[in-house]
Amino acid sequence: MQQLTKSNFMNKNAILILSFLLIVMTSCSLSKVNKSYRNSINGTWTLTDVSYENASGQFKSVLFNDAEDICFEGSEWFFRANNSTGYYNIPASSLCEPGNRYIRWSVVEGDSTYHQLQFKFTDEKKKDLSGLGYRLIISSVSDEQMVLRNNVLVDGERVTIVYNFNRKTF
């Protein structure tokens, strides 16, 4: 009789341990929607246009605390989904400091109506440079195009910066 009780105790412990492992594994994994977004974003993109909504007039802004908006037009963005790394490359011009800017990126769930692309700067060896990061609302992403948006305040008014990308094919 005592052997049966010990066996029951061991079975209960095994069930508890397996349940705990299952909870940890599922809580650390990405949702199906996030995986879908990551797979859709994976690859090389060209930022074809930066525009502004909810405002009138001409705008000149520094994006991602890096370069003026005009410098980003024509920039190449690369996202590698399997290790969440990538870069964007500012092309050379008289106004822009050219070169690669390395990033670590992820897809973050916003409220129930949107998801966001989040990125932080890294060095070439993928070491974080600062704790600062950026989040852009994923408006749409397909095999050929992606639209990201960022809401900012200008003189107390909300302005939306729109980033239009085309997938680069080789």
C-alpha atoms as a PDB file:
ATOM      1  CA  MET A   1       0.000   0.000   0.000  1.00  0.00           C
ATOM      2  CA  GLN A   2       2.807   2.388   0.818  1.00  0.00           C
ATOM      3  CA  GLN A   3       4.473   1.651  -2.549  1.00  0.00           C
ATOM      4  CA  LEU A   4       1.273   2.676  -4.353  1.00  0.00           C
ATOM      5  CA  THR A   5       1.158   5.988  -2.490  1.00  0.00           C
ATOM      6  CA  LYS A   6       4.790   6.683  -3.363  1.00  0.00           C
ATOM      7  CA  SER A   7       4.053   5.903  -7.017  1.00  0.00           C
ATOM      8  CA  ASN A   8       1.051   8.257  -6.989  1.00  0.00           C
ATOM      9  CA  PHE A   9       3.208  10.953  -5.435  1.00  0.00           C
ATOM     10  CA  MET A  10       5.850  10.536  -8.148  1.00  0.00           C
ATOM     11  CA  ASN A  11       3.210  10.626 -10.897  1.00  0.00           C
ATOM     12  CA  LYS A  12       1.752  13.846  -9.479  1.00  0.00           C
ATOM     13  CA  ASN A  13       5.229  15.427  -9.354  1.00  0.00           C
ATOM     14  CA  ALA A  14       5.918  14.378 -12.936  1.00  0.00           C
ATOM     15  CA  ILE A  15       2.610  15.892 -14.056  1.00  0.00           C
ATOM     16  CA  LEU A  16       3.363  19.119 -12.193  1.00  0.00           C
ATOM     17  CA  ILE A  17       6.842  19.371 -13.711  1.00  0.00           C
ATOM     18  CA  LEU A  18       5.556  18.681 -17.221  1.00  0.00           C
ATOM     19  CA  SER A  19       2.759  21.239 -16.769  1.00  0.00           C
ATOM     20  CA  PHE A  20       5.249  23.840 -15.588  1.00  0.00           C
ATOM     21  CA  LEU A  21       7.559  23.184 -18.557  1.00  0.00           C
ATOM     22  CA  LEU A  22       4.642  23.410 -20.973  1.00  0.00           C
ATOM     23  CA  ILE A  23       3.547  26.750 -19.510  1.00  0.00           C
ATOM     24  CA  VAL A  24       7.091  28.151 -19.685  1.00  0.00           C
ATOM     25  CA  MET A  25       7.590  26.977 -23.270  1.00  0.00           C
ATOM     26  CA  THR A  26       4.287  28.394 -24.522  1.00  0.00           C
ATOM     27  CA  SER A  27       4.647  31.696 -22.685  1.00  0.00           C
ATOM     28  CA  CYS A  28       8.090  32.269 -24.227  1.00  0.00           C
ATOM     29  CA  SER A  29       7.066  31.386 -27.757  1.00  0.00           C
ATOM     30  CA  LEU A  30       5.710  33.843 -30.293  1.00  0.00           C
ATOM     31  CA  SER A  31       2.044  33.986 -31.111  1.00  0.00           C
ATOM     32  CA  LYS A  32       0.982  32.701 -34.527  1.00  0.00           C
ATOM     33  CA  VAL A  33       0.193  36.272 -35.594  1.00  0.00           C
ATOM     34  CA  ASN A  34       3.641  37.517 -34.533  1.00  0.00           C
ATOM     35  CA  LYS A  35       5.301  34.625 -36.398  1.00  0.00           C
ATOM     36  CA  SER A  36       3.265  35.492 -39.466  1.00  0.00           C
ATOM     37  CA  TYR A  37       4.357  39.137 -39.317  1.00  0.00           C
ATOM     38  CA  ARG A  38       8.003  38.159 -38.730  1.00  0.00           C
ATOM     39  CA  ASN A  39       7.965  35.805 -41.710  1.00  0.00           C
ATOM     40  CA  SER A  40       6.319  38.460 -43.884  1.00  0.00           C
ATOM     41  CA  ILE A  41       8.858  41.124 -42.881  1.00  0.00           C
ATOM     42  CA  ASN A  42      11.858  38.797 -43.280  1.00  0.00           C
ATOM     43  CA  GLY A  43      14.071  39.854 -46.192  1.00  0.00           C
ATOM     44  CA  THR A  44      15.362  42.988 -47.901  1.00  0.00           C
ATOM     45  CA  TRP A  45      13.269  46.111 -48.443  1.00  0.00           C
ATOM     46  CA  THR A  46      13.779  49.526 -50.007  1.00  0.00           C
ATOM     47  CA  LEU A  47      12.263  52.516 -48.222  1.00  0.00           C
ATOM     48  CA  THR A  48      10.777  54.333 -51.208  1.00  0.00           C
ATOM     49  CA  ASP A  49       8.937  57.216 -49.533  1.00  0.00           C
ATOM     50  CA  VAL A  50       8.615  59.015 -46.206  1.00  0.00           C
ATOM     51  CA  SER A  51       5.488  61.148 -45.946  1.00  0.00           C
ATOM     52  CA  TYR A  52       3.422  62.923 -43.287  1.00  0.00           C
ATOM     53  CA  GLU A  53      -0.292  62.607 -42.483  1.00  0.00           C
ATOM     54  CA  ASN A  54      -2.586  64.748 -40.308  1.00  0.00           C
ATOM     55  CA  ALA A  55      -0.613  67.889 -41.081  1.00  0.00           C
ATOM     56  CA  SER A  56      -0.135  70.492 -43.775  1.00  0.00           C
ATOM     57  CA  GLY A  57       3.011  72.211 -44.995  1.00  0.00           C
ATOM     58  CA  GLN A  58       6.565  71.074 -45.512  1.00  0.00           C
ATOM     59  CA  PHE A  59       8.351  68.934 -42.955  1.00  0.00           C
ATOM     60  CA  LYS A  60      12.008  68.302 -42.341  1.00  0.00           C
ATOM     61  CA  SER A  61      12.716  65.863 -39.567  1.00  0.00           C
ATOM     62  CA  VAL A  62      15.472  63.706 -38.131  1.00  0.00           C
ATOM     63  CA  LEU A  63      14.308  60.093 -38.024  1.00  0.00           C
ATOM     64  CA  PHE A  64      15.418  57.616 -35.359  1.00  0.00           C
ATOM     65  CA  ASN A  65      17.795  60.257 -33.989  1.00  0.00           C
ATOM     66  CA  ASP A  66      20.008  59.436 -36.975  1.00  0.00           C
ATOM     67  CA  ALA A  67      19.491  61.363 -40.222  1.00  0.00           C
ATOM     68  CA  GLU A  68      17.087  63.693 -42.021  1.00  0.00           C
ATOM     69  CA  ASP A  69      14.024  62.101 -43.599  1.00  0.00           C
ATOM     70  CA  ILE A  70      15.339  62.708 -47.141  1.00  0.00           C
ATOM     71  CA  CYS A  71      18.356  60.497 -46.316  1.00  0.00           C
ATOM     72  CA  PHE A  72      16.094  57.514 -45.702  1.00  0.00           C
ATOM     73  CA  GLU A  73      14.445  57.575 -49.115  1.00  0.00           C
ATOM     74  CA  GLY A  74      16.122  54.837 -51.137  1.00  0.00           C
ATOM     75  CA  SER A  75      17.656  53.234 -48.047  1.00  0.00           C
ATOM     76  CA  GLU A  76      17.922  49.458 -47.917  1.00  0.00           C
ATOM     77  CA  TRP A  77      16.488  47.621 -44.897  1.00  0.00           C
ATOM     78  CA  PHE A  78      17.312  43.994 -44.136  1.00  0.00           C
ATOM     79  CA  PHE A  79      15.420  41.923 -41.563  1.00  0.00           C
ATOM     80  CA  ARG A  80      16.577  38.395 -40.625  1.00  0.00           C
ATOM     81  CA  ALA A  81      13.747  36.607 -38.818  1.00  0.00           C
ATOM     82  CA  ASN A  82      15.678  33.591 -37.525  1.00  0.00           C
ATOM     83  CA  ASN A  83      17.874  35.653 -35.179  1.00  0.00           C
ATOM     84  CA  SER A  84      16.016  39.002 -35.052  1.00  0.00           C
ATOM     85  CA  THR A  85      18.905  41.014 -36.478  1.00  0.00           C
ATOM     86  CA  GLY A  86      19.251  43.276 -39.471  1.00  0.00           C
ATOM     87  CA  TYR A  87      20.377  46.672 -40.659  1.00  0.00           C
ATOM     88  CA  TYR A  88      19.416  49.672 -42.687  1.00  0.00           C
ATOM     89  CA  ASN A  89      21.806  51.346 -45.087  1.00  0.00           C
ATOM     90  CA  ILE A  90      21.745  55.089 -45.741  1.00  0.00           C
ATOM     91  CA  PRO A  91      22.962  55.837 -49.288  1.00  0.00           C
ATOM     92  CA  ALA A  92      25.684  58.421 -49.836  1.00  0.00           C
ATOM     93  CA  SER A  93      24.646  61.995 -50.649  1.00  0.00           C
ATOM     94  CA  SER A  94      25.742  65.515 -49.841  1.00  0.00           C
ATOM     95  CA  LEU A  95      23.268  65.681 -46.907  1.00  0.00           C
ATOM     96  CA  CYS A  96      23.663  62.194 -45.461  1.00  0.00           C
ATOM     97  CA  GLU A  97      26.266  60.184 -43.583  1.00  0.00           C
ATOM     98  CA  PRO A  98      26.224  56.871 -45.505  1.00  0.00           C
ATOM     99  CA  GLY A  99      26.593  53.395 -44.060  1.00  0.00           C
ATOM    100  CA  ASN A 100      24.962  50.504 -42.281  1.00  0.00           C
ATOM    101  CA  ARG A 101      23.090  50.923 -39.025  1.00  0.00           C
ATOM    102  CA  TYR A 102      22.718  47.538 -37.331  1.00  0.00           C
ATOM    103  CA  ILE A 103      19.530  46.635 -35.478  1.00  0.00           C
ATOM    104  CA  ARG A 104      17.844  43.951 -33.396  1.00  0.00           C
ATOM    105  CA  TRP A 105      14.141  43.789 -34.198  1.00  0.00           C
ATOM    106  CA  SER A 106      10.935  42.115 -33.100  1.00  0.00           C
ATOM    107  CA  VAL A 107       7.199  42.264 -33.630  1.00  0.00           C
ATOM    108  CA  VAL A 108       5.288  43.482 -30.587  1.00  0.00           C
ATOM    109  CA  GLU A 109       1.563  43.172 -30.035  1.00  0.00           C
ATOM    110  CA  GLY A 110      -0.105  46.521 -29.455  1.00  0.00           C
ATOM    111  CA  ASP A 111      -3.726  46.527 -28.455  1.00  0.00           C
ATOM    112  CA  SER A 112      -6.111  44.210 -30.305  1.00  0.00           C
ATOM    113  CA  THR A 113      -6.116  46.392 -33.435  1.00  0.00           C
ATOM    114  CA  TYR A 114      -2.433  46.599 -34.382  1.00  0.00           C
ATOM    115  CA  HIS A 115       1.085  45.170 -34.137  1.00  0.00           C
ATOM    116  CA  GLN A 116       4.339  47.079 -34.039  1.00  0.00           C
ATOM    117  CA  LEU A 117       7.807  46.599 -35.467  1.00  0.00           C
ATOM    118  CA  GLN A 118      10.274  47.364 -32.688  1.00  0.00           C
ATOM    119  CA  PHE A 119      13.991  47.860 -33.227  1.00  0.00           C
ATOM    120  CA  LYS A 120      17.062  48.830 -31.224  1.00  0.00           C
ATOM    121  CA  PHE A 121      20.519  49.741 -32.460  1.00  0.00           C
ATOM    122  CA  THR A 122      23.399  47.258 -32.145  1.00  0.00           C
ATOM    123  CA  ASP A 123      26.993  47.211 -33.258  1.00  0.00           C
ATOM    124  CA  GLU A 124      28.328  44.919 -36.008  1.00  0.00           C
ATOM    125  CA  LYS A 125      28.720  42.119 -33.449  1.00  0.00           C
ATOM    126  CA  LYS A 126      25.040  42.459 -32.425  1.00  0.00           C
ATOM    127  CA  LYS A 127      25.790  44.014 -29.027  1.00  0.00           C
ATOM    128  CA  ASP A 128      23.157  46.551 -27.909  1.00  0.00           C
ATOM    129  CA  LEU A 129      24.414  50.136 -28.172  1.00  0.00           C
ATOM    130  CA  SER A 130      21.841  51.775 -25.933  1.00  0.00           C
ATOM    131  CA  GLY A 131      18.602  50.926 -24.245  1.00  0.00           C
ATOM    132  CA  LEU A 132      16.738  53.168 -26.653  1.00  0.00           C
ATOM    133  CA  GLY A 133      14.462  51.700 -29.261  1.00  0.00           C
ATOM    134  CA  TYR A 134      11.728  52.606 -31.694  1.00  0.00           C
ATOM    135  CA  ARG A 135       8.282  51.198 -32.396  1.00  0.00           C
ATOM    136  CA  LEU A 136       6.459  51.598 -35.691  1.00  0.00           C
ATOM    137  CA  ILE A 137       2.874  50.527 -36.257  1.00  0.00           C
ATOM    138  CA  ILE A 138       2.610  47.853 -38.946  1.00  0.00           C
ATOM    139  CA  SER A 139      -0.167  49.206 -41.175  1.00  0.00           C
ATOM    140  CA  SER A 140       0.248  46.554 -43.849  1.00  0.00           C
ATOM    141  CA  VAL A 141       2.740  44.011 -45.082  1.00  0.00           C
ATOM    142  CA  SER A 142       2.535  41.776 -48.148  1.00  0.00           C
ATOM    143  CA  ASP A 143       4.947  39.894 -50.388  1.00  0.00           C
ATOM    144  CA  GLU A 144       5.723  43.125 -52.239  1.00  0.00           C
ATOM    145  CA  GLN A 145       4.995  46.134 -50.009  1.00  0.00           C
ATOM    146  CA  MET A 146       5.100  47.209 -46.383  1.00  0.00           C
ATOM    147  CA  VAL A 147       3.724  50.358 -44.741  1.00  0.00           C
ATOM    148  CA  LEU A 148       4.828  51.414 -41.258  1.00  0.00           C
ATOM    149  CA  ARG A 149       3.562  54.417 -39.299  1.00  0.00           C
ATOM    150  CA  ASN A 150       4.854  56.412 -36.362  1.00  0.00           C
ATOM    151  CA  ASN A 151       2.843  59.000 -34.434  1.00  0.00           C
ATOM    152  CA  VAL A 152       4.769  62.039 -33.172  1.00  0.00           C
ATOM    153  CA  LEU A 153       3.855  65.414 -31.696  1.00  0.00           C
ATOM    154  CA  VAL A 154       4.665  68.610 -33.615  1.00  0.00           C
ATOM    155  CA  ASP A 155       3.740  71.837 -31.799  1.00  0.00           C
ATOM    156  CA  GLY A 156       1.295  69.847 -29.674  1.00  0.00           C
ATOM    157  CA  GLU A 157      -0.457  68.290 -32.707  1.00  0.00           C
ATOM    158  CA  ARG A 158      -0.268  64.623 -33.657  1.00  0.00           C
ATOM    159  CA  VAL A 159       1.493  63.988 -36.962  1.00  0.00           C
ATOM    160  CA  THR A 160       1.862  60.529 -38.471  1.00  0.00           C
ATOM    161  CA  ILE A 161       5.085  59.687 -40.289  1.00  0.00           C
ATOM    162  CA  VAL A 162       4.425  57.071 -42.996  1.00  0.00           C
ATOM    163  CA  TYR A 163       7.196  54.799 -44.251  1.00  0.00           C
ATOM    164  CA  ASN A 164       6.489  53.028 -47.577  1.00  0.00           C
ATOM    165  CA  PHE A 165       8.673  50.042 -48.459  1.00  0.00           C
ATOM    166  CA  ASN A 166       8.964  47.804 -51.515  1.00  0.00           C
ATOM    167  CA  ARG A 167      10.444  44.340 -51.218  1.00  0.00           C
ATOM    168  CA  LYS A 168      13.747  44.092 -52.995  1.00  0.00           C
ATOM    169  CA  THR A 169      13.958  41.150 -55.368  1.00  0.00           C
ATOM    170  CA  PHE A 170      17.165  39.685 -56.668  1.00  0.00           C
END
